[in-house]
Amino acid sequence: MKTLEGKKREGYSYLKKITAVDYGDRLEVLYIIYNPTSHANEVVMVKLETAKPEINTVMHVYKAADWYERELAEMFAIEIKGRKVKKLLLDKWNGVDAPLRKSFTWGDPNYRKV
């Protein structure tokens, strides 16, 4: 698999989306990139462990990754290594739970509302 830096050199200059999928036993981070010259889309997948998921930032490759990486950190509890800004997207969010993970329990009486 080629790196995102290599894909950008091949012409995939546009980052469409970064998201994650929780399969229960593992997480996958998906980078959806686009080549405006060939009109081709490509998906780059990275598998992570669910216990302590972490991934390196791609802000140095795609500036548009900023909010997507913040969303990964906040909604999937994935640590983004190399990020300088750790500010939450949602000001009133407690930042502790990961609501898009399968392990998240809605209606938990111990859930802290801010």
N, C-alpha and C. Protein backbone atom coordinates (compact mmCIF):
# COMPACT_ATOMS: atom_id res chain seq x y z
N MET A 1 0.84 -1.18 0.00
CA MET A 1 0.00 0.00 0.00
C MET A 1 0.89 1.24 0.00
N LYS A 2 0.55 2.17 -0.83
CA LYS A 2 1.29 3.42 -0.88
C LYS A 2 0.83 4.36 0.22
N THR A 3 1.73 5.25 0.58
CA THR A 3 1.39 6.23 1.61
C THR A 3 0.54 7.34 1.00
N LEU A 4 -0.08 8.12 1.87
CA LEU A 4 -0.85 9.27 1.39
C LEU A 4 0.05 10.29 0.71
N GLU A 5 1.29 10.41 1.18
CA GLU A 5 2.24 11.33 0.52
C GLU A 5 2.48 10.88 -0.91
N GLY A 6 2.66 9.56 -1.11
CA GLY A 6 2.85 9.02 -2.45
C GLY A 6 1.63 9.22 -3.33
N LYS A 7 0.48 9.02 -2.76
CA LYS A 7 -0.77 9.22 -3.51
C LYS A 7 -0.93 10.68 -3.92
N LYS A 8 -0.54 11.59 -3.04
CA LYS A 8 -0.64 13.01 -3.39
C LYS A 8 0.29 13.34 -4.55
N ARG A 9 1.50 12.75 -4.54
CA ARG A 9 2.42 12.96 -5.67
C ARG A 9 1.87 12.38 -6.97
N GLU A 10 1.04 11.34 -6.87
CA GLU A 10 0.41 10.75 -8.06
C GLU A 10 -0.76 11.59 -8.57
N GLY A 11 -1.11 12.64 -7.86
CA GLY A 11 -2.18 13.51 -8.32
C GLY A 11 -3.42 13.52 -7.46
N TYR A 12 -3.44 12.72 -6.41
CA TYR A 12 -4.60 12.70 -5.51
C TYR A 12 -4.46 13.88 -4.55
N SER A 13 -4.77 15.04 -5.05
CA SER A 13 -4.51 16.29 -4.33
C SER A 13 -5.68 16.75 -3.47
N TYR A 14 -6.79 16.06 -3.52
CA TYR A 14 -7.98 16.50 -2.81
C TYR A 14 -8.41 15.43 -1.80
N LEU A 15 -8.50 15.81 -0.54
CA LEU A 15 -9.00 14.93 0.51
C LEU A 15 -10.50 15.14 0.63
N LYS A 16 -11.27 14.11 0.32
CA LYS A 16 -12.73 14.22 0.38
C LYS A 16 -13.25 13.98 1.80
N LYS A 17 -12.68 13.00 2.49
CA LYS A 17 -13.24 12.62 3.80
C LYS A 17 -12.26 11.72 4.53
N ILE A 18 -12.26 11.84 5.84
CA ILE A 18 -11.64 10.86 6.71
C ILE A 18 -12.72 10.41 7.68
N THR A 19 -12.88 9.13 7.81
CA THR A 19 -13.86 8.60 8.75
C THR A 19 -13.33 7.30 9.32
N ALA A 20 -14.06 6.72 10.22
CA ALA A 20 -13.67 5.44 10.82
C ALA A 20 -14.87 4.51 10.86
N VAL A 21 -14.57 3.22 10.94
CA VAL A 21 -15.59 2.20 11.08
C VAL A 21 -15.18 1.30 12.24
N ASP A 22 -16.12 1.04 13.14
CA ASP A 22 -15.87 0.17 14.28
C ASP A 22 -16.49 -1.19 13.98
N TYR A 23 -15.64 -2.21 13.86
CA TYR A 23 -16.12 -3.57 13.59
C TYR A 23 -16.25 -4.39 14.87
N GLY A 24 -16.01 -3.77 16.01
CA GLY A 24 -16.09 -4.47 17.29
C GLY A 24 -14.72 -4.96 17.73
N ASP A 25 -14.05 -5.75 16.90
CA ASP A 25 -12.73 -6.27 17.26
C ASP A 25 -11.60 -5.39 16.74
N ARG A 26 -11.92 -4.46 15.85
CA ARG A 26 -10.91 -3.55 15.31
C ARG A 26 -11.60 -2.31 14.76
N LEU A 27 -10.80 -1.27 14.58
CA LEU A 27 -11.26 -0.04 13.93
C LEU A 27 -10.52 0.11 12.61
N GLU A 28 -11.17 0.73 11.66
CA GLU A 28 -10.50 1.08 10.41
C GLU A 28 -10.71 2.56 10.17
N VAL A 29 -9.63 3.25 9.84
CA VAL A 29 -9.71 4.65 9.44
C VAL A 29 -9.65 4.67 7.92
N LEU A 30 -10.58 5.39 7.32
CA LEU A 30 -10.69 5.47 5.86
C LEU A 30 -10.38 6.88 5.39
N TYR A 31 -9.44 6.98 4.48
CA TYR A 31 -9.09 8.25 3.84
C TYR A 31 -9.62 8.18 2.41
N ILE A 32 -10.55 9.04 2.08
CA ILE A 32 -11.12 9.07 0.73
C ILE A 32 -10.49 10.25 0.01
N ILE A 33 -9.72 9.94 -1.04
CA ILE A 33 -8.97 10.97 -1.75
C ILE A 33 -9.39 10.99 -3.22
N TYR A 34 -9.14 12.11 -3.88
CA TYR A 34 -9.63 12.33 -5.25
C TYR A 34 -8.53 12.92 -6.11
N ASN A 35 -8.45 12.42 -7.34
CA ASN A 35 -7.51 12.95 -8.33
C ASN A 35 -8.33 13.76 -9.35
N PRO A 36 -8.23 15.08 -9.32
CA PRO A 36 -9.05 15.89 -10.23
C PRO A 36 -8.67 15.76 -11.70
N THR A 37 -7.46 15.32 -11.99
CA THR A 37 -7.05 15.15 -13.39
C THR A 37 -7.70 13.93 -14.02
N SER A 38 -7.65 12.80 -13.30
CA SER A 38 -8.22 11.56 -13.84
C SER A 38 -9.64 11.30 -13.35
N HIS A 39 -10.14 12.15 -12.48
CA HIS A 39 -11.48 12.00 -11.88
C HIS A 39 -11.62 10.67 -11.15
N ALA A 40 -10.52 10.22 -10.55
CA ALA A 40 -10.53 8.94 -9.84
C ALA A 40 -10.59 9.17 -8.33
N ASN A 41 -11.36 8.32 -7.68
CA ASN A 41 -11.42 8.28 -6.22
C ASN A 41 -10.63 7.08 -5.73
N GLU A 42 -10.07 7.20 -4.57
CA GLU A 42 -9.38 6.07 -3.96
C GLU A 42 -9.62 6.10 -2.47
N VAL A 43 -9.72 4.91 -1.88
CA VAL A 43 -9.90 4.79 -0.44
C VAL A 43 -8.66 4.10 0.13
N VAL A 44 -8.03 4.77 1.08
CA VAL A 44 -6.88 4.20 1.77
C VAL A 44 -7.35 3.83 3.17
N MET A 45 -7.19 2.54 3.53
CA MET A 45 -7.68 2.04 4.82
C MET A 45 -6.51 1.71 5.73
N VAL A 46 -6.67 2.07 7.01
CA VAL A 46 -5.67 1.77 8.03
C VAL A 46 -6.39 1.05 9.17
N LYS A 47 -5.92 -0.15 9.51
CA LYS A 47 -6.52 -0.92 10.60
C LYS A 47 -5.87 -0.55 11.92
N LEU A 48 -6.71 -0.42 12.96
CA LEU A 48 -6.25 -0.07 14.30
C LEU A 48 -6.83 -1.05 15.32
N GLU A 49 -6.13 -1.20 16.42
CA GLU A 49 -6.65 -1.99 17.54
C GLU A 49 -7.70 -1.16 18.27
N THR A 50 -8.68 -1.81 18.88
CA THR A 50 -9.72 -1.05 19.60
C THR A 50 -9.29 -0.65 21.00
N ALA A 51 -8.34 -1.37 21.59
CA ALA A 51 -7.95 -1.09 22.97
C ALA A 51 -7.37 0.31 23.14
N LYS A 52 -6.39 0.68 22.34
CA LYS A 52 -5.78 2.01 22.43
C LYS A 52 -5.48 2.48 21.01
N PRO A 53 -6.52 2.86 20.27
CA PRO A 53 -6.30 3.24 18.88
C PRO A 53 -5.57 4.57 18.75
N GLU A 54 -4.55 4.57 17.89
CA GLU A 54 -3.82 5.81 17.63
C GLU A 54 -3.31 5.77 16.20
N ILE A 55 -3.21 6.96 15.63
CA ILE A 55 -2.77 7.11 14.24
C ILE A 55 -2.05 8.45 14.12
N ASN A 56 -1.15 8.54 13.19
CA ASN A 56 -0.42 9.80 12.98
C ASN A 56 -1.28 10.78 12.19
N THR A 57 -1.08 12.05 12.45
CA THR A 57 -1.79 13.09 11.72
C THR A 57 -1.35 13.11 10.26
N VAL A 58 -2.25 13.55 9.40
CA VAL A 58 -1.90 13.75 7.98
C VAL A 58 -2.05 15.21 7.59
N MET A 59 -2.04 16.07 8.61
CA MET A 59 -2.18 17.51 8.35
C MET A 59 -1.06 18.05 7.46
N HIS A 60 0.12 17.45 7.54
CA HIS A 60 1.22 17.91 6.70
C HIS A 60 1.03 17.53 5.24
N VAL A 61 0.14 16.58 4.96
CA VAL A 61 -0.15 16.17 3.59
C VAL A 61 -1.39 16.89 3.08
N TYR A 62 -2.46 16.85 3.84
CA TYR A 62 -3.73 17.47 3.47
C TYR A 62 -4.17 18.40 4.60
N LYS A 63 -4.18 19.69 4.35
CA LYS A 63 -4.62 20.66 5.36
C LYS A 63 -6.08 20.44 5.75
N ALA A 64 -6.87 19.91 4.84
CA ALA A 64 -8.30 19.67 5.10
C ALA A 64 -8.52 18.59 6.15
N ALA A 65 -7.49 17.89 6.57
CA ALA A 65 -7.62 16.81 7.54
C ALA A 65 -7.93 17.32 8.94
N ASP A 66 -7.79 18.60 9.18
CA ASP A 66 -7.93 19.16 10.52
C ASP A 66 -9.22 18.75 11.21
N TRP A 67 -10.34 19.13 10.66
CA TRP A 67 -11.63 18.85 11.33
C TRP A 67 -11.94 17.36 11.31
N TYR A 68 -11.56 16.66 10.26
CA TYR A 68 -11.80 15.21 10.21
C TYR A 68 -11.05 14.50 11.32
N GLU A 69 -9.81 14.89 11.56
CA GLU A 69 -9.03 14.27 12.63
C GLU A 69 -9.60 14.61 14.00
N ARG A 70 -10.08 15.81 14.16
CA ARG A 70 -10.72 16.18 15.41
C ARG A 70 -11.97 15.34 15.64
N GLU A 71 -12.72 15.08 14.59
CA GLU A 71 -13.90 14.24 14.68
C GLU A 71 -13.53 12.80 15.07
N LEU A 72 -12.46 12.27 14.48
CA LEU A 72 -12.00 10.93 14.84
C LEU A 72 -11.66 10.85 16.32
N ALA A 73 -10.96 11.87 16.80
CA ALA A 73 -10.56 11.89 18.20
C ALA A 73 -11.78 11.98 19.12
N GLU A 74 -12.73 12.80 18.76
CA GLU A 74 -13.87 13.06 19.63
C GLU A 74 -14.94 11.98 19.56
N MET A 75 -15.22 11.48 18.40
CA MET A 75 -16.34 10.55 18.23
C MET A 75 -15.93 9.07 18.30
N PHE A 76 -14.65 8.77 17.99
CA PHE A 76 -14.18 7.38 18.01
C PHE A 76 -13.10 7.14 19.06
N ALA A 77 -12.69 8.17 19.80
CA ALA A 77 -11.62 8.07 20.81
C ALA A 77 -10.33 7.54 20.21
N ILE A 78 -9.99 8.01 19.01
CA ILE A 78 -8.74 7.66 18.36
C ILE A 78 -7.75 8.78 18.64
N GLU A 79 -6.59 8.42 19.19
CA GLU A 79 -5.59 9.44 19.45
C GLU A 79 -4.87 9.78 18.14
N ILE A 80 -4.82 11.06 17.82
CA ILE A 80 -4.14 11.52 16.61
C ILE A 80 -2.78 12.05 17.04
N LYS A 81 -1.75 11.28 16.76
CA LYS A 81 -0.40 11.65 17.18
C LYS A 81 0.15 12.74 16.25
N GLY A 82 0.83 13.71 16.85
CA GLY A 82 1.45 14.77 16.07
C GLY A 82 0.59 16.00 15.91
N ARG A 83 -0.62 15.98 16.42
CA ARG A 83 -1.48 17.16 16.35
C ARG A 83 -1.10 18.15 17.43
N LYS A 84 -1.02 19.40 17.07
CA LYS A 84 -0.68 20.44 18.05
C LYS A 84 -1.92 20.95 18.76
N VAL A 85 -3.03 21.07 18.04
CA VAL A 85 -4.27 21.59 18.61
C VAL A 85 -5.13 20.41 19.05
N LYS A 86 -5.51 20.38 20.31
CA LYS A 86 -6.33 19.30 20.85
C LYS A 86 -7.75 19.76 21.19
N LYS A 87 -8.13 20.95 20.73
CA LYS A 87 -9.44 21.52 21.05
C LYS A 87 -10.57 20.64 20.51
N LEU A 88 -11.62 20.50 21.31
CA LEU A 88 -12.78 19.72 20.91
C LEU A 88 -13.64 20.48 19.91
N LEU A 89 -14.32 19.75 19.03
CA LEU A 89 -15.24 20.38 18.08
C LEU A 89 -16.47 20.92 18.78
N LEU A 90 -17.00 20.15 19.70
CA LEU A 90 -18.20 20.55 20.42
C LEU A 90 -17.81 21.10 21.78
N ASP A 91 -18.10 22.35 22.02
CA ASP A 91 -17.69 23.01 23.26
C ASP A 91 -18.28 22.36 24.51
N LYS A 92 -19.51 21.90 24.44
CA LYS A 92 -20.17 21.36 25.63
C LYS A 92 -20.04 19.85 25.74
N TRP A 93 -19.23 19.26 24.88
CA TRP A 93 -19.04 17.82 24.91
C TRP A 93 -18.03 17.48 25.98
N ASN A 94 -18.24 16.38 26.71
CA ASN A 94 -17.31 16.05 27.79
C ASN A 94 -16.00 15.47 27.26
N GLY A 95 -15.99 15.02 26.00
CA GLY A 95 -14.76 14.54 25.40
C GLY A 95 -14.24 13.23 25.95
N VAL A 96 -15.03 12.56 26.77
CA VAL A 96 -14.57 11.33 27.40
C VAL A 96 -15.08 10.11 26.64
N ASP A 97 -16.32 10.12 26.27
CA ASP A 97 -16.94 8.97 25.63
C ASP A 97 -16.75 9.02 24.12
N ALA A 98 -17.01 7.91 23.48
CA ALA A 98 -16.89 7.81 22.03
C ALA A 98 -18.22 7.31 21.47
N PRO A 99 -19.13 8.22 21.12
CA PRO A 99 -20.49 7.80 20.75
C PRO A 99 -20.59 7.01 19.45
N LEU A 100 -19.58 7.03 18.61
CA LEU A 100 -19.66 6.25 17.37
C LEU A 100 -18.97 4.90 17.48
N ARG A 101 -18.54 4.54 18.67
CA ARG A 101 -17.95 3.21 18.90
C ARG A 101 -19.04 2.24 19.33
N LYS A 102 -18.90 0.99 18.96
CA LYS A 102 -19.90 -0.02 19.32
C LYS A 102 -20.00 -0.22 20.83
N SER A 103 -18.93 0.07 21.55
CA SER A 103 -18.93 -0.11 23.00
C SER A 103 -19.69 0.99 23.74
N PHE A 104 -20.06 2.06 23.05
CA PHE A 104 -20.77 3.17 23.69
C PHE A 104 -22.20 2.74 24.02
N THR A 105 -22.65 3.04 25.25
CA THR A 105 -23.98 2.68 25.69
C THR A 105 -24.83 3.94 25.82
N TRP A 106 -25.86 4.05 25.00
CA TRP A 106 -26.78 5.18 25.10
C TRP A 106 -27.69 4.97 26.29
N GLY A 107 -27.97 6.03 27.00
CA GLY A 107 -28.86 5.94 28.15
C GLY A 107 -28.17 5.42 29.39
N ASP A 108 -26.87 5.35 29.38
CA ASP A 108 -26.12 4.88 30.55
C ASP A 108 -26.33 5.88 31.68
N PRO A 109 -26.75 5.43 32.87
CA PRO A 109 -26.98 6.37 33.98
C PRO A 109 -25.70 7.05 34.46
N ASN A 110 -24.54 6.48 34.15
CA ASN A 110 -23.27 7.09 34.55
C ASN A 110 -22.76 8.09 33.53
N TYR A 111 -23.49 8.28 32.43
CA TYR A 111 -23.05 9.20 31.39
C TYR A 111 -23.15 10.63 31.90
N ARG A 112 -22.07 11.36 31.79
CA ARG A 112 -22.01 12.75 32.28
C ARG A 112 -22.51 13.71 31.23
N LYS A 113 -23.60 14.36 31.48
CA LYS A 113 -24.04 15.43 30.60
C LYS A 113 -23.49 16.73 31.10
N VAL A 114 -23.07 17.58 30.19
CA VAL A 114 -22.48 18.87 30.57
C VAL A 114 -23.52 19.94 30.49
